[in-house]
Amino acid sequence: LFLIGLGWSFGLVASSALIASEFDGPEKVRIQGLADLSMTASGGLAGLGSGLVVTVTDYQTLSHYSGILGFYPIMTVVFFFLIEKKRRNSLRDVSR
């Protein structure tokens, strides 16, 4: 659990730094606040939703559907990564 927490912290700091580097001035503060609010609200909603699922069903159902739900964002990232890689390769082939 320690390593999961450490990885979470590194990811949070890195993503905040990435967001901060993309914007300037007052817009930077607004976007960072919006990102923090979105993350906190998502965590709160996930906590409420998981509590509801456990109340109505059981932990096994929560675990099962959490795994399925977690699979989709991972596959979306992989999908867009592969599309971007294919696009870069086609641009490189055209420039030769």
Protein backbone atom coordinates (compact mmCIF):
# COMPACT_ATOMS: atom_id res chain seq x y z
CA LEU A 1 0.00 0.00 0.00
CA PHE A 2 2.90 2.32 0.66
CA LEU A 3 4.12 1.99 -2.92
CA ILE A 4 0.63 2.58 -4.28
CA GLY A 5 0.38 5.77 -2.22
CA LEU A 6 3.84 6.86 -3.32
CA GLY A 7 2.96 6.26 -6.97
CA TRP A 8 -0.31 8.15 -6.52
CA SER A 9 1.56 11.10 -5.00
CA PHE A 10 4.14 11.16 -7.79
CA GLY A 11 1.39 11.04 -10.40
CA LEU A 12 -0.55 13.82 -8.71
CA VAL A 13 2.47 16.12 -8.42
CA ALA A 14 3.58 15.40 -12.00
CA SER A 15 0.13 16.02 -13.45
CA SER A 16 -0.23 19.26 -11.48
CA ALA A 17 3.16 20.42 -12.74
CA LEU A 18 2.22 19.48 -16.31
CA ILE A 19 -1.04 21.43 -16.10
CA ALA A 20 0.76 24.41 -14.56
CA SER A 21 3.37 24.44 -17.31
CA GLU A 22 0.75 24.66 -20.07
CA PHE A 23 -0.99 27.84 -18.90
CA ASP A 24 0.07 31.33 -17.86
CA GLY A 25 -1.19 33.99 -15.47
CA PRO A 26 -4.67 33.93 -13.98
CA GLU A 27 -5.77 31.19 -16.37
CA LYS A 28 -3.14 28.89 -14.83
CA VAL A 29 -4.67 29.25 -11.35
CA ARG A 30 -8.21 28.77 -12.65
CA ILE A 31 -7.32 25.63 -14.61
CA GLN A 32 -5.36 24.15 -11.72
CA GLY A 33 -8.26 24.81 -9.36
CA LEU A 34 -10.68 23.23 -11.82
CA ALA A 35 -8.43 20.17 -12.14
CA ASP A 36 -8.20 19.81 -8.35
CA LEU A 37 -11.96 20.26 -7.98
CA SER A 38 -12.62 17.66 -10.69
CA MET A 39 -10.29 15.14 -9.06
CA THR A 40 -11.76 15.68 -5.59
CA ALA A 41 -15.36 15.55 -6.84
CA SER A 42 -14.62 12.38 -8.82
CA GLY A 43 -13.11 10.74 -5.74
CA GLY A 44 -16.11 11.75 -3.65
CA LEU A 45 -18.59 10.45 -6.20
CA ALA A 46 -16.64 7.20 -6.53
CA GLY A 47 -16.70 6.78 -2.75
CA LEU A 48 -20.44 7.39 -2.59
CA GLY A 49 -21.05 5.09 -5.55
CA SER A 50 -18.97 2.28 -4.12
CA GLY A 51 -20.76 2.61 -0.78
CA LEU A 52 -24.08 2.35 -2.57
CA VAL A 53 -22.97 -0.73 -4.53
CA VAL A 54 -21.72 -2.48 -1.38
CA THR A 55 -24.94 -1.60 0.47
CA VAL A 56 -27.14 -3.00 -2.29
CA THR A 57 -24.95 -5.98 -3.29
CA ASP A 58 -21.55 -7.05 -1.92
CA TYR A 59 -17.80 -6.45 -2.19
CA GLN A 60 -17.40 -9.09 -4.89
CA THR A 61 -19.76 -7.20 -7.18
CA LEU A 62 -17.96 -3.94 -6.42
CA SER A 63 -14.61 -5.54 -7.20
CA HIS A 64 -15.88 -7.12 -10.41
CA TYR A 65 -17.41 -3.97 -11.84
CA SER A 66 -14.54 -1.77 -10.65
CA GLY A 67 -12.15 -3.96 -12.60
CA ILE A 68 -14.31 -3.73 -15.70
CA LEU A 69 -14.75 0.03 -15.29
CA GLY A 70 -11.01 0.52 -14.75
CA PHE A 71 -10.24 -1.44 -17.90
CA TYR A 72 -11.88 1.10 -20.23
CA PRO A 73 -9.72 4.15 -19.43
CA ILE A 74 -6.59 2.02 -19.79
CA MET A 75 -7.71 0.73 -23.17
CA THR A 76 -8.66 4.26 -24.26
CA VAL A 77 -5.15 5.50 -23.47
CA VAL A 78 -3.61 2.54 -25.31
CA PHE A 79 -5.92 3.14 -28.29
CA PHE A 80 -5.00 6.83 -28.58
CA PHE A 81 -1.32 6.02 -28.08
CA LEU A 82 -1.43 3.56 -30.98
CA ILE A 83 -3.30 6.04 -33.19
CA GLU A 84 -0.71 8.74 -32.43
CA LYS A 85 2.14 6.32 -33.12
CA LYS A 86 0.58 5.35 -36.46
CA ARG A 87 0.07 9.03 -37.34
CA ARG A 88 3.70 9.87 -36.54
CA ASN A 89 4.94 6.93 -38.59
CA SER A 90 2.82 7.99 -41.57
CA LEU A 91 4.09 11.58 -41.29
CA ARG A 92 7.65 10.32 -41.12
CA ASP A 93 7.10 8.16 -44.22
CA VAL A 94 5.64 11.13 -46.13
CA SER A 95 8.59 13.38 -45.24
CA ARG A 96 11.14 10.93 -46.65
